[in-house]
């Protein structure tokens, strides 16, 4: 697991040098789960809602996520991955998968690479 974190950190560094691992985790959550409220994100990240609000603001300032307030409940903000955010997640995952594929599986065996990539997405 530690090795996969290091590989992911290198892929993030190459794609977005100033993106933190916590910001990356937020992007991956939104990529895999779809739009979430601040409270849902806080619960999944294991931090407070106020810390999550600050995190979302920093990532939104980079145009990697967008926020909205549903008409039915204006108190809750929903956070969704933006097109640039999705593109960044895809670039980092592709770079990580290439590196892991070279190390962990036969590069010619696409099915093995795909299974490994899915397993790491679950841990991200």
N, C-alpha and C. Protein backbone atom coordinates (compact mmCIF):
# COMPACT_ATOMS: atom_id res chain seq x y z
N UNK A 1 0.83 -1.20 0.00
CA UNK A 1 0.00 0.00 0.00
C UNK A 1 0.87 1.25 0.00
N UNK A 2 1.92 1.25 0.81
CA UNK A 2 2.79 2.43 0.86
C UNK A 2 3.39 2.69 -0.51
N UNK A 3 3.77 1.64 -1.22
CA UNK A 3 4.32 1.80 -2.56
C UNK A 3 3.34 2.46 -3.50
N UNK A 4 2.06 2.06 -3.41
CA UNK A 4 1.06 2.65 -4.30
C UNK A 4 0.82 4.12 -3.97
N UNK A 5 0.93 4.48 -2.70
CA UNK A 5 0.79 5.89 -2.32
C UNK A 5 1.95 6.69 -2.91
N UNK A 6 3.14 6.14 -2.86
CA UNK A 6 4.30 6.83 -3.42
C UNK A 6 4.15 6.99 -4.93
N UNK A 7 3.66 5.97 -5.60
CA UNK A 7 3.45 6.04 -7.04
C UNK A 7 2.41 7.11 -7.35
N UNK A 8 1.33 7.13 -6.59
CA UNK A 8 0.28 8.14 -6.78
C UNK A 8 0.83 9.53 -6.52
N UNK A 9 1.62 9.68 -5.45
CA UNK A 9 2.19 10.99 -5.13
C UNK A 9 3.08 11.48 -6.27
N UNK A 10 3.85 10.59 -6.88
CA UNK A 10 4.70 10.99 -8.01
C UNK A 10 3.85 11.40 -9.21
N UNK A 11 2.76 10.67 -9.45
CA UNK A 11 1.88 11.00 -10.58
C UNK A 11 1.21 12.36 -10.35
N UNK A 12 0.79 12.62 -9.11
CA UNK A 12 0.19 13.92 -8.77
C UNK A 12 1.21 15.03 -8.97
N UNK A 13 2.43 14.80 -8.47
CA UNK A 13 3.49 15.80 -8.57
C UNK A 13 3.77 16.15 -10.03
N UNK A 14 3.74 15.16 -10.89
CA UNK A 14 4.00 15.42 -12.31
C UNK A 14 2.85 16.19 -12.97
N UNK A 15 1.61 15.87 -12.59
CA UNK A 15 0.44 16.47 -13.23
C UNK A 15 0.04 17.82 -12.61
N UNK A 16 0.17 17.92 -11.29
CA UNK A 16 -0.27 19.13 -10.57
C UNK A 16 0.60 19.28 -9.33
N UNK A 17 1.78 19.86 -9.48
CA UNK A 17 2.75 19.91 -8.39
C UNK A 17 2.25 20.53 -7.08
N UNK A 18 1.28 21.42 -7.14
CA UNK A 18 0.82 22.06 -5.91
C UNK A 18 -0.44 21.42 -5.33
N UNK A 19 -0.88 20.30 -5.87
CA UNK A 19 -2.05 19.60 -5.35
C UNK A 19 -1.61 18.71 -4.19
N UNK A 20 -2.32 18.83 -3.06
CA UNK A 20 -1.98 18.00 -1.90
C UNK A 20 -2.67 16.64 -1.99
N UNK A 21 -2.20 15.70 -1.19
CA UNK A 21 -2.84 14.38 -1.17
C UNK A 21 -4.28 14.46 -0.67
N UNK A 22 -4.57 15.36 0.26
CA UNK A 22 -5.94 15.52 0.75
C UNK A 22 -6.83 16.08 -0.36
N UNK A 23 -6.32 17.04 -1.12
CA UNK A 23 -7.08 17.56 -2.25
C UNK A 23 -7.31 16.47 -3.29
N UNK A 24 -6.29 15.65 -3.51
CA UNK A 24 -6.41 14.52 -4.43
C UNK A 24 -7.51 13.57 -3.96
N UNK A 25 -7.52 13.26 -2.67
CA UNK A 25 -8.54 12.36 -2.12
C UNK A 25 -9.94 12.91 -2.36
N UNK A 26 -10.12 14.21 -2.19
CA UNK A 26 -11.40 14.85 -2.46
C UNK A 26 -11.80 14.65 -3.92
N UNK A 27 -10.87 14.88 -4.84
CA UNK A 27 -11.17 14.73 -6.26
C UNK A 27 -11.54 13.29 -6.60
N UNK A 28 -10.82 12.34 -6.01
CA UNK A 28 -11.10 10.93 -6.28
C UNK A 28 -12.47 10.54 -5.72
N UNK A 29 -12.81 11.03 -4.54
CA UNK A 29 -14.13 10.75 -3.98
C UNK A 29 -15.23 11.24 -4.92
N UNK A 30 -15.09 12.45 -5.40
CA UNK A 30 -16.10 13.01 -6.30
C UNK A 30 -16.12 12.27 -7.64
N UNK A 31 -14.96 11.84 -8.09
CA UNK A 31 -14.88 11.09 -9.34
C UNK A 31 -15.59 9.75 -9.22
N UNK A 32 -15.42 9.10 -8.10
CA UNK A 32 -15.98 7.75 -7.94
C UNK A 32 -17.41 7.75 -7.42
N UNK A 33 -17.80 8.76 -6.65
CA UNK A 33 -19.12 8.76 -6.01
C UNK A 33 -20.10 9.75 -6.61
N UNK A 34 -19.60 10.70 -7.42
CA UNK A 34 -20.47 11.73 -7.96
C UNK A 34 -20.62 12.87 -6.97
N UNK A 35 -21.49 13.82 -7.26
CA UNK A 35 -21.65 14.98 -6.38
C UNK A 35 -22.02 14.59 -4.95
N UNK A 36 -21.41 15.28 -3.99
CA UNK A 36 -21.65 15.03 -2.57
C UNK A 36 -21.82 16.36 -1.85
N UNK A 37 -22.50 16.33 -0.72
CA UNK A 37 -22.60 17.54 0.10
C UNK A 37 -21.32 17.71 0.90
N UNK A 38 -21.14 18.89 1.46
CA UNK A 38 -19.99 19.14 2.33
C UNK A 38 -19.98 18.13 3.48
N UNK A 39 -21.14 17.89 4.07
CA UNK A 39 -21.23 16.93 5.18
C UNK A 39 -20.84 15.52 4.77
N UNK A 40 -21.29 15.10 3.60
CA UNK A 40 -20.94 13.76 3.11
C UNK A 40 -19.44 13.65 2.85
N UNK A 41 -18.88 14.70 2.26
CA UNK A 41 -17.43 14.71 2.03
C UNK A 41 -16.67 14.66 3.35
N UNK A 42 -17.11 15.48 4.32
CA UNK A 42 -16.44 15.51 5.62
C UNK A 42 -16.44 14.13 6.26
N UNK A 43 -17.58 13.47 6.20
CA UNK A 43 -17.68 12.13 6.79
C UNK A 43 -16.73 11.16 6.11
N UNK A 44 -16.69 11.19 4.80
CA UNK A 44 -15.83 10.25 4.06
C UNK A 44 -14.34 10.58 4.22
N UNK A 45 -14.03 11.86 4.39
CA UNK A 45 -12.64 12.26 4.58
C UNK A 45 -12.19 12.15 6.04
N UNK A 46 -13.16 12.04 6.95
CA UNK A 46 -12.83 11.92 8.37
C UNK A 46 -12.37 13.23 8.98
N UNK A 47 -12.93 14.34 8.50
CA UNK A 47 -12.58 15.66 9.03
C UNK A 47 -13.87 16.43 9.30
N UNK A 48 -13.74 17.60 9.88
CA UNK A 48 -14.92 18.41 10.20
C UNK A 48 -15.50 19.06 8.94
N UNK A 49 -16.74 19.48 9.06
CA UNK A 49 -17.38 20.19 7.94
C UNK A 49 -16.67 21.50 7.63
N UNK A 50 -16.21 22.20 8.67
CA UNK A 50 -15.52 23.47 8.41
C UNK A 50 -14.19 23.24 7.69
N UNK A 51 -13.46 22.19 8.06
CA UNK A 51 -12.21 21.86 7.35
C UNK A 51 -12.51 21.48 5.91
N UNK A 52 -13.61 20.76 5.71
CA UNK A 52 -13.99 20.36 4.36
C UNK A 52 -14.39 21.56 3.53
N UNK A 53 -15.11 22.51 4.14
CA UNK A 53 -15.49 23.73 3.42
C UNK A 53 -14.25 24.48 2.93
N UNK A 54 -13.24 24.59 3.79
CA UNK A 54 -12.00 25.27 3.40
C UNK A 54 -11.30 24.49 2.28
N UNK A 55 -11.27 23.18 2.40
CA UNK A 55 -10.65 22.33 1.37
C UNK A 55 -11.37 22.51 0.03
N UNK A 56 -12.69 22.47 0.06
CA UNK A 56 -13.48 22.64 -1.17
C UNK A 56 -13.22 24.02 -1.77
N UNK A 57 -13.15 25.04 -0.95
CA UNK A 57 -12.90 26.39 -1.45
C UNK A 57 -11.55 26.46 -2.18
N UNK A 58 -10.53 25.85 -1.59
CA UNK A 58 -9.20 25.87 -2.23
C UNK A 58 -9.23 25.14 -3.58
N UNK A 59 -9.91 24.02 -3.63
CA UNK A 59 -9.96 23.24 -4.87
C UNK A 59 -10.87 23.95 -5.89
N UNK A 60 -11.94 24.56 -5.42
CA UNK A 60 -12.83 25.32 -6.31
C UNK A 60 -12.11 26.53 -6.90
N UNK A 61 -11.24 27.16 -6.11
CA UNK A 61 -10.46 28.30 -6.60
C UNK A 61 -9.57 27.90 -7.78
N UNK A 62 -9.25 26.62 -7.88
CA UNK A 62 -8.44 26.11 -8.98
C UNK A 62 -9.33 25.57 -10.11
N UNK A 63 -10.64 25.74 -9.97
CA UNK A 63 -11.62 25.28 -10.97
C UNK A 63 -11.65 23.76 -11.15
N UNK A 64 -11.26 23.02 -10.12
CA UNK A 64 -11.28 21.56 -10.20
C UNK A 64 -12.61 20.98 -9.74
N UNK A 65 -13.37 21.76 -8.97
CA UNK A 65 -14.72 21.35 -8.56
C UNK A 65 -15.64 22.55 -8.73
N UNK A 66 -16.93 22.27 -8.73
CA UNK A 66 -17.93 23.34 -8.73
C UNK A 66 -18.91 23.05 -7.61
N UNK A 67 -19.45 24.09 -7.05
CA UNK A 67 -20.40 23.94 -5.96
C UNK A 67 -21.75 24.53 -6.38
N UNK A 68 -22.78 23.99 -5.77
CA UNK A 68 -24.13 24.51 -6.03
C UNK A 68 -24.95 24.33 -4.76
N UNK A 69 -26.03 25.07 -4.70
CA UNK A 69 -26.98 24.95 -3.59
C UNK A 69 -28.31 24.50 -4.16
N UNK A 70 -28.74 23.29 -3.83
CA UNK A 70 -30.02 22.80 -4.34
C UNK A 70 -31.17 23.70 -3.90
N UNK A 71 -32.12 23.94 -4.80
CA UNK A 71 -33.25 24.81 -4.49
C UNK A 71 -34.05 24.29 -3.30
N UNK A 72 -34.13 22.98 -3.16
CA UNK A 72 -34.92 22.38 -2.07
C UNK A 72 -34.30 22.62 -0.70
N UNK A 73 -32.97 22.77 -0.65
CA UNK A 73 -32.30 22.96 0.63
C UNK A 73 -31.10 23.88 0.42
N UNK A 74 -31.32 25.16 0.52
CA UNK A 74 -30.29 26.16 0.23
C UNK A 74 -29.15 26.14 1.26
N UNK A 75 -29.33 25.46 2.38
CA UNK A 75 -28.26 25.42 3.38
C UNK A 75 -27.13 24.48 2.99
N UNK A 76 -27.47 23.44 2.26
CA UNK A 76 -26.47 22.44 1.87
C UNK A 76 -25.82 22.80 0.54
N UNK A 77 -24.49 22.75 0.52
CA UNK A 77 -23.77 22.93 -0.73
C UNK A 77 -23.41 21.56 -1.28
N UNK A 78 -23.67 21.35 -2.57
CA UNK A 78 -23.25 20.13 -3.24
C UNK A 78 -21.97 20.44 -4.00
N UNK A 79 -21.07 19.50 -3.99
CA UNK A 79 -19.79 19.66 -4.65
C UNK A 79 -19.69 18.61 -5.75
N UNK A 80 -19.29 19.04 -6.93
CA UNK A 80 -19.14 18.13 -8.06
C UNK A 80 -17.80 18.38 -8.73
N UNK A 81 -17.27 17.35 -9.32
CA UNK A 81 -16.04 17.47 -10.08
C UNK A 81 -16.32 18.27 -11.35
N UNK A 82 -15.47 19.22 -11.67
CA UNK A 82 -15.59 20.00 -12.91
C UNK A 82 -14.89 19.23 -14.04
N UNK A 83 -15.05 19.70 -15.25
CA UNK A 83 -14.36 19.07 -16.39
C UNK A 83 -12.84 19.10 -16.21
N UNK A 84 -12.25 20.24 -15.80
CA UNK A 84 -10.79 20.23 -15.56
C UNK A 84 -10.41 19.29 -14.41
N UNK A 85 -11.25 19.18 -13.39
CA UNK A 85 -10.97 18.26 -12.29
C UNK A 85 -10.99 16.82 -12.75
N UNK A 86 -11.99 16.47 -13.56
CA UNK A 86 -12.09 15.10 -14.10
C UNK A 86 -10.89 14.79 -14.98
N UNK A 87 -10.49 15.75 -15.81
CA UNK A 87 -9.33 15.55 -16.68
C UNK A 87 -8.06 15.32 -15.85
N UNK A 88 -7.91 16.07 -14.75
CA UNK A 88 -6.75 15.89 -13.89
C UNK A 88 -6.76 14.50 -13.26
N UNK A 89 -7.91 14.07 -12.74
CA UNK A 89 -8.01 12.74 -12.14
C UNK A 89 -7.63 11.68 -13.17
N UNK A 90 -8.15 11.81 -14.37
CA UNK A 90 -7.85 10.83 -15.42
C UNK A 90 -6.36 10.81 -15.77
N UNK A 91 -5.73 12.00 -15.85
CA UNK A 91 -4.29 12.06 -16.15
C UNK A 91 -3.46 11.41 -15.06
N UNK A 92 -3.78 11.71 -13.79
CA UNK A 92 -3.02 11.15 -12.68
C UNK A 92 -3.21 9.64 -12.62
N UNK A 93 -4.44 9.18 -12.76
CA UNK A 93 -4.70 7.73 -12.71
C UNK A 93 -3.99 7.02 -13.86
N UNK A 94 -4.02 7.61 -15.05
CA UNK A 94 -3.34 7.01 -16.20
C UNK A 94 -1.83 6.92 -15.95
N UNK A 95 -1.24 7.99 -15.42
CA UNK A 95 0.20 7.98 -15.13
C UNK A 95 0.53 6.95 -14.04
N UNK A 96 -0.31 6.91 -13.01
CA UNK A 96 -0.10 5.94 -11.93
C UNK A 96 -0.23 4.52 -12.47
N UNK A 97 -1.23 4.28 -13.28
CA UNK A 97 -1.44 2.93 -13.82
C UNK A 97 -0.30 2.50 -14.72
N UNK A 98 0.23 3.43 -15.50
CA UNK A 98 1.38 3.09 -16.35
C UNK A 98 2.56 2.66 -15.49
N UNK A 99 2.84 3.42 -14.44
CA UNK A 99 3.97 3.08 -13.58
C UNK A 99 3.74 1.77 -12.85
N UNK A 100 2.56 1.61 -12.29
CA UNK A 100 2.25 0.36 -11.60
C UNK A 100 2.25 -0.82 -12.56
N UNK A 101 1.76 -0.59 -13.75
CA UNK A 101 1.74 -1.65 -14.75
C UNK A 101 3.13 -2.12 -15.12
N UNK A 102 4.05 -1.19 -15.18
CA UNK A 102 5.44 -1.57 -15.49
C UNK A 102 6.05 -2.38 -14.36
N UNK A 103 5.65 -2.09 -13.14
CA UNK A 103 6.25 -2.74 -11.98
C UNK A 103 5.52 -4.01 -11.60
N UNK A 104 4.19 -3.99 -11.63
CA UNK A 104 3.41 -5.06 -11.01
C UNK A 104 2.90 -6.13 -11.97
N UNK A 105 2.71 -5.82 -13.22
CA UNK A 105 2.13 -6.80 -14.14
C UNK A 105 2.82 -6.73 -15.49
N UNK A 106 2.55 -7.70 -16.29
CA UNK A 106 3.05 -7.73 -17.65
C UNK A 106 2.38 -6.61 -18.44
N UNK A 107 3.15 -5.66 -18.98
CA UNK A 107 2.55 -4.53 -19.69
C UNK A 107 1.68 -4.95 -20.88
N UNK A 108 1.89 -6.14 -21.38
CA UNK A 108 1.09 -6.62 -22.50
C UNK A 108 -0.24 -7.22 -22.08
N UNK A 109 -0.45 -7.37 -20.78
CA UNK A 109 -1.69 -7.98 -20.27
C UNK A 109 -2.63 -6.89 -19.79
N UNK A 110 -3.42 -6.32 -20.71
CA UNK A 110 -4.29 -5.20 -20.38
C UNK A 110 -5.32 -5.57 -19.32
N UNK A 111 -5.81 -6.78 -19.33
CA UNK A 111 -6.81 -7.19 -18.33
C UNK A 111 -6.23 -7.12 -16.92
N UNK A 112 -4.99 -7.53 -16.75
CA UNK A 112 -4.34 -7.44 -15.44
C UNK A 112 -4.15 -5.99 -15.01
N UNK A 113 -3.76 -5.15 -15.94
CA UNK A 113 -3.59 -3.73 -15.65
C UNK A 113 -4.92 -3.11 -15.24
N UNK A 114 -5.97 -3.45 -15.96
CA UNK A 114 -7.30 -2.92 -15.65
C UNK A 114 -7.76 -3.36 -14.26
N UNK A 115 -7.54 -4.62 -13.90
CA UNK A 115 -7.92 -5.12 -12.57
C UNK A 115 -7.12 -4.40 -11.49
N UNK A 116 -5.84 -4.24 -11.71
CA UNK A 116 -5.01 -3.54 -10.73
C UNK A 116 -5.43 -2.09 -10.58
N UNK A 117 -5.74 -1.43 -11.68
CA UNK A 117 -6.19 -0.04 -11.63
C UNK A 117 -7.49 0.08 -10.85
N UNK A 118 -8.40 -0.82 -11.07
CA UNK A 118 -9.68 -0.80 -10.34
C UNK A 118 -9.44 -1.01 -8.84
N UNK A 119 -8.55 -1.92 -8.49
CA UNK A 119 -8.25 -2.16 -7.08
C UNK A 119 -7.69 -0.91 -6.43
N UNK A 120 -6.81 -0.20 -7.12
CA UNK A 120 -6.23 1.01 -6.54
C UNK A 120 -7.23 2.15 -6.48
N UNK A 121 -8.15 2.20 -7.43
CA UNK A 121 -9.20 3.22 -7.37
C UNK A 121 -10.03 3.05 -6.10
N UNK A 122 -10.27 1.81 -5.73
CA UNK A 122 -11.05 1.55 -4.51
C UNK A 122 -10.32 2.04 -3.26
N UNK A 123 -9.01 1.99 -3.27
CA UNK A 123 -8.22 2.43 -2.11
C UNK A 123 -7.95 3.92 -2.12
N UNK A 124 -8.10 4.56 -3.27
CA UNK A 124 -7.77 6.00 -3.39
C UNK A 124 -8.67 6.86 -2.53
